[in-house]
Amino acid sequence: MTLHSFFGGVFTLYEMGELLLRIVVAGFCGILIGLERTKRLKEAGIRTHFLVACSSAAIMLVSKYGFADLALSAFPGTGSADGARLAAQVVSGIGFLGAGMIFRGDAKVSGLTTAAGLWATAGIGLTVGAGLYVPAIFCTLLILLVQALTHRLSFRKDTLVVRTLTVHASIGPDFRETIAQLLEQNHWNIRGDNIKKSSDGTYTYTFRLRSDRGDSCEELLRHLENEENILSYTLTTSE
């Protein structure tokens, strides 16, 4: 049994299933990479990597199978045409539009998933435009499913805590390593820091912190309180 032109060329059910499996495998690989990035508190996580991997697979299907009608001279005068060139320009050109969706604040980058989603939409559009309706629809539904599930779980959003620690110390700048060790022992990740020396010879350390283990600060505050070289400190919530 074959799926004819409306479903993207002449493919047997087995062949079409294998094409869809490629999208699934690509998406699964993207999820694995995104999971590792999420555990390290990186900005681009599961959804972003899934969108890129899944759509890349769809675009690759377009490159391999979407222009068979041109190669077979289905249309007069198009036998030597290379339709993939136009698709390549869409893939690169959409990057400029996606870049406009990404915003960077103090220590926060937002819009990555939106930008990836825009790029994914371009990939799906190319797939449909090439006549590969089934892979395009399948890719769309798969992306929507993963997006909905990750939004529902939202494990990172619920547990991620962002703080700013300011320490006024009597020594420096090597004392930064001591503070960093205290933060690491208490499961706080340093996302950025700076050191300023005052005219009186003291030092002010500022750390931007993240934790995926909730907002437990008691142990950290106790260690800071017992450190004799710390003159004062503040721990505030970062927006």
Protein backbone atom coordinates (compact mmCIF):
# COMPACT_ATOMS: atom_id res chain seq x y z
CA MET A 1 0.00 0.00 0.00
CA THR A 2 1.36 3.40 -0.96
CA LEU A 3 0.66 6.99 0.03
CA HIS A 4 0.39 9.03 -3.14
CA SER A 5 1.18 12.64 -4.06
CA PHE A 6 -1.16 14.33 -1.58
CA PHE A 7 0.89 12.80 1.24
CA GLY A 8 4.26 13.90 -0.12
CA GLY A 9 5.25 11.65 -2.99
CA VAL A 10 4.92 7.89 -3.41
CA PHE A 11 5.83 6.21 -0.15
CA THR A 12 4.77 2.90 1.29
CA LEU A 13 3.30 2.93 4.76
CA TYR A 14 6.54 1.46 6.06
CA GLU A 15 8.62 4.18 4.37
CA MET A 16 6.39 6.97 5.68
CA GLY A 17 6.57 5.47 9.17
CA GLU A 18 10.36 5.48 8.93
CA LEU A 19 10.32 9.17 7.98
CA LEU A 20 8.17 9.98 11.02
CA LEU A 21 10.48 7.89 13.20
CA ARG A 22 13.38 10.12 12.15
CA ILE A 23 11.56 13.15 13.59
CA VAL A 24 10.83 11.28 16.82
CA VAL A 25 14.44 10.15 17.24
CA ALA A 26 15.75 13.65 16.51
CA GLY A 27 13.31 15.14 19.01
CA PHE A 28 14.29 12.57 21.65
CA CYS A 29 17.97 13.40 21.17
CA GLY A 30 17.13 17.09 21.55
CA ILE A 31 15.26 16.33 24.79
CA LEU A 32 18.25 14.45 26.21
CA ILE A 33 20.62 17.33 25.42
CA GLY A 34 18.15 19.87 26.76
CA LEU A 35 17.71 17.89 29.97
CA GLU A 36 21.45 17.96 30.60
CA ARG A 37 21.51 21.71 29.95
CA THR A 38 18.52 22.24 32.25
CA LYS A 39 20.20 20.38 35.10
CA ARG A 40 23.14 22.75 34.72
CA LEU A 41 20.74 25.72 34.87
CA LYS A 42 21.50 26.89 31.33
CA GLU A 43 19.06 29.20 29.56
CA ALA A 44 18.36 26.93 26.57
CA GLY A 45 16.71 23.82 27.98
CA ILE A 46 14.51 20.89 26.98
CA ARG A 47 11.95 22.74 24.88
CA THR A 48 14.49 24.83 22.98
CA HIS A 49 16.66 21.86 22.05
CA PHE A 50 13.62 19.77 21.17
CA LEU A 51 12.29 22.44 18.82
CA VAL A 52 15.62 22.78 17.04
CA ALA A 53 16.24 19.04 16.71
CA CYS A 54 12.71 18.20 15.62
CA SER A 55 12.55 20.94 13.00
CA SER A 56 16.03 20.16 11.73
CA ALA A 57 14.88 16.63 11.01
CA ALA A 58 11.84 17.96 9.16
CA ILE A 59 14.01 20.31 7.09
CA MET A 60 16.36 17.45 6.29
CA LEU A 61 13.40 15.47 4.97
CA VAL A 62 12.59 18.41 2.73
CA SER A 63 16.17 18.49 1.44
CA LYS A 64 16.21 14.78 0.69
CA TYR A 65 12.69 14.08 -0.55
CA GLY A 66 10.88 17.36 -1.04
CA PHE A 67 12.26 18.16 -4.49
CA ALA A 68 11.98 14.80 -6.19
CA ASP A 69 9.41 16.21 -8.61
CA LEU A 70 11.97 18.75 -9.88
CA ALA A 71 14.68 16.15 -10.25
CA LEU A 72 12.32 13.96 -12.25
CA SER A 73 11.37 16.90 -14.48
CA ALA A 74 7.73 16.70 -13.47
CA PHE A 75 7.42 20.30 -14.64
CA PRO A 76 8.75 21.39 -18.05
CA GLY A 77 12.05 23.26 -17.86
CA THR A 78 12.74 22.47 -14.20
CA GLY A 79 14.94 19.41 -14.61
CA SER A 80 18.10 21.28 -13.64
CA ALA A 81 16.50 23.40 -10.91
CA ASP A 82 17.72 23.13 -7.33
CA GLY A 83 14.77 23.86 -5.09
CA ALA A 84 16.82 23.26 -1.95
CA ARG A 85 18.58 26.59 -2.45
CA LEU A 86 15.42 28.51 -1.64
CA ALA A 87 14.78 26.35 1.42
CA ALA A 88 18.32 27.03 2.64
CA GLN A 89 17.76 30.76 2.42
CA VAL A 90 14.60 30.50 4.51
CA VAL A 91 16.45 28.53 7.19
CA SER A 92 19.23 31.12 7.47
CA GLY A 93 16.99 34.14 7.00
CA ILE A 94 14.58 33.18 9.78
CA GLY A 95 17.49 33.49 12.20
CA PHE A 96 17.35 37.27 11.94
CA LEU A 97 13.69 37.27 12.90
CA GLY A 98 14.32 34.83 15.74
CA ALA A 99 17.13 37.01 17.10
CA GLY A 100 14.61 39.81 17.55
CA MET A 101 12.65 37.62 19.95
CA ILE A 102 15.58 37.15 22.37
CA PHE A 103 16.06 39.65 25.17
CA ARG A 104 18.89 39.89 27.68
CA GLY A 105 18.67 41.50 31.09
CA ASP A 106 21.11 41.60 34.01
CA ALA A 107 21.61 37.87 34.32
CA LYS A 108 18.57 36.68 32.44
CA VAL A 109 17.98 35.69 28.85
CA SER A 110 14.39 35.31 27.70
CA GLY A 111 12.73 34.47 24.44
CA LEU A 112 14.93 31.53 23.45
CA THR A 113 12.05 29.08 23.22
CA THR A 114 9.96 31.61 21.31
CA ALA A 115 12.79 32.15 18.84
CA ALA A 116 13.26 28.40 18.46
CA GLY A 117 9.52 28.02 17.97
CA LEU A 118 9.60 30.61 15.21
CA TRP A 119 12.43 28.74 13.53
CA ALA A 120 10.53 25.48 14.00
CA THR A 121 7.49 27.01 12.35
CA ALA A 122 9.64 27.94 9.37
CA GLY A 123 10.86 24.37 9.16
CA ILE A 124 7.32 23.04 9.26
CA GLY A 125 6.28 25.54 6.61
CA LEU A 126 9.07 24.31 4.34
CA THR A 127 7.96 20.74 4.90
CA VAL A 128 4.37 21.57 3.94
CA GLY A 129 5.52 23.64 0.99
CA ALA A 130 7.47 20.66 -0.29
CA GLY A 131 4.33 18.56 -0.20
CA LEU A 132 5.31 16.43 2.80
CA TYR A 133 2.02 16.91 4.61
CA VAL A 134 2.19 13.95 6.96
CA PRO A 135 5.68 14.74 8.39
CA ALA A 136 4.72 18.41 8.78
CA ILE A 137 1.49 17.68 10.64
CA PHE A 138 3.20 15.02 12.73
CA CYS A 139 6.05 17.38 13.64
CA THR A 140 3.56 20.10 14.61
CA LEU A 141 1.57 17.79 16.88
CA LEU A 142 4.72 16.40 18.45
CA ILE A 143 6.03 19.88 19.24
CA LEU A 144 2.68 20.94 20.72
CA LEU A 145 2.57 17.79 22.86
CA VAL A 146 6.06 18.25 24.29
CA GLN A 147 5.48 21.97 24.86
CA ALA A 148 2.23 21.27 26.72
CA LEU A 149 3.82 18.55 28.87
CA THR A 150 6.84 20.64 29.82
CA HIS A 151 4.64 23.61 30.67
CA ARG A 152 2.47 21.39 32.84
CA LEU A 153 5.43 19.90 34.67
CA SER A 154 7.31 23.21 34.86
CA PHE A 155 9.66 21.60 37.37
CA ARG A 156 12.42 24.09 36.74
CA LYS A 157 10.23 27.17 37.06
CA ASP A 158 8.77 25.99 40.35
CA THR A 159 12.09 25.20 42.03
CA LEU A 160 14.51 27.71 40.53
CA VAL A 161 15.48 30.47 42.97
CA VAL A 162 17.50 33.52 41.93
CA ARG A 163 19.33 35.61 44.53
CA THR A 164 21.94 38.35 44.77
CA LEU A 165 24.55 38.06 47.53
CA THR A 166 26.57 41.12 48.50
CA VAL A 167 29.48 40.56 50.88
CA HIS A 168 31.58 43.30 52.51
CA ALA A 169 34.89 41.70 53.53
CA SER A 170 38.15 42.84 55.06
CA ILE A 171 40.37 40.94 52.62
CA GLY A 172 40.51 40.21 48.90
CA PRO A 173 40.51 39.42 46.09
CA ASP A 174 41.55 35.82 46.87
CA PHE A 175 38.74 35.67 49.42
CA ARG A 176 36.38 35.26 46.48
CA GLU A 177 37.32 31.57 46.29
CA THR A 178 36.41 31.05 49.92
CA ILE A 179 32.95 32.53 49.37
CA ALA A 180 32.54 30.50 46.17
CA GLN A 181 33.27 27.29 48.07
CA LEU A 182 30.67 28.17 50.70
CA LEU A 183 28.10 28.77 47.98
CA GLU A 184 28.91 25.52 46.21
CA GLN A 185 28.66 23.54 49.47
CA ASN A 186 25.18 24.98 49.97
CA HIS A 187 24.07 24.17 46.39
CA TRP A 188 24.07 27.74 45.04
CA ASN A 189 25.36 28.22 41.49
CA ILE A 190 27.27 31.41 40.67
CA ARG A 191 25.90 33.00 37.50
CA GLY A 192 28.05 36.10 37.67
CA ASP A 193 30.14 38.08 40.13
CA ASN A 194 32.30 41.18 40.54
CA ILE A 195 34.70 42.61 43.12
CA LYS A 196 35.18 46.26 44.11
CA LYS A 197 37.88 47.65 46.38
CA SER A 198 36.92 50.55 48.63
CA SER A 199 39.14 53.47 49.63
CA ASP A 200 39.42 52.07 53.18
CA GLY A 201 41.01 48.86 51.88
CA THR A 202 37.94 46.64 52.23
CA TYR A 203 36.30 44.69 49.42
CA THR A 204 32.73 44.32 48.24
CA TYR A 205 31.82 41.07 46.49
CA THR A 206 28.59 40.76 44.53
CA PHE A 207 27.35 37.34 43.38
CA ARG A 208 24.35 36.51 41.19
CA LEU A 209 23.15 33.10 42.35
CA ARG A 210 20.78 30.36 41.31
CA SER A 211 19.56 27.26 43.08
CA ASP A 212 17.28 24.48 41.86
CA ARG A 213 16.82 23.07 45.36
CA GLY A 214 14.39 25.64 46.68
CA ASP A 215 14.97 28.75 48.75
CA SER A 216 16.77 27.24 51.74
CA CYS A 217 19.28 29.86 52.95
CA GLU A 218 19.68 29.04 56.63
CA GLU A 219 22.82 26.95 56.26
CA LEU A 220 24.44 29.47 53.92
CA LEU A 221 23.68 32.37 56.26
CA ARG A 222 25.12 30.45 59.19
CA HIS A 223 28.40 29.90 57.32
CA LEU A 224 28.57 33.55 56.30
CA GLU A 225 27.92 34.61 59.90
CA ASN A 226 30.78 32.48 61.19
CA GLU A 227 33.33 33.71 58.63
CA GLU A 228 35.57 36.17 60.52
CA ASN A 229 36.70 38.06 57.40
CA ILE A 230 33.12 39.03 56.46
CA LEU A 231 32.15 42.42 57.87
CA SER A 232 28.57 42.38 56.60
CA TYR A 233 26.41 40.77 53.92
CA THR A 234 23.00 40.98 52.29
CA LEU A 235 21.07 38.30 50.41
CA THR A 236 18.24 39.63 48.29
CA THR A 237 15.80 38.17 45.78
CA SER A 238 16.63 38.93 42.15
CA GLU A 239 13.92 39.60 39.59
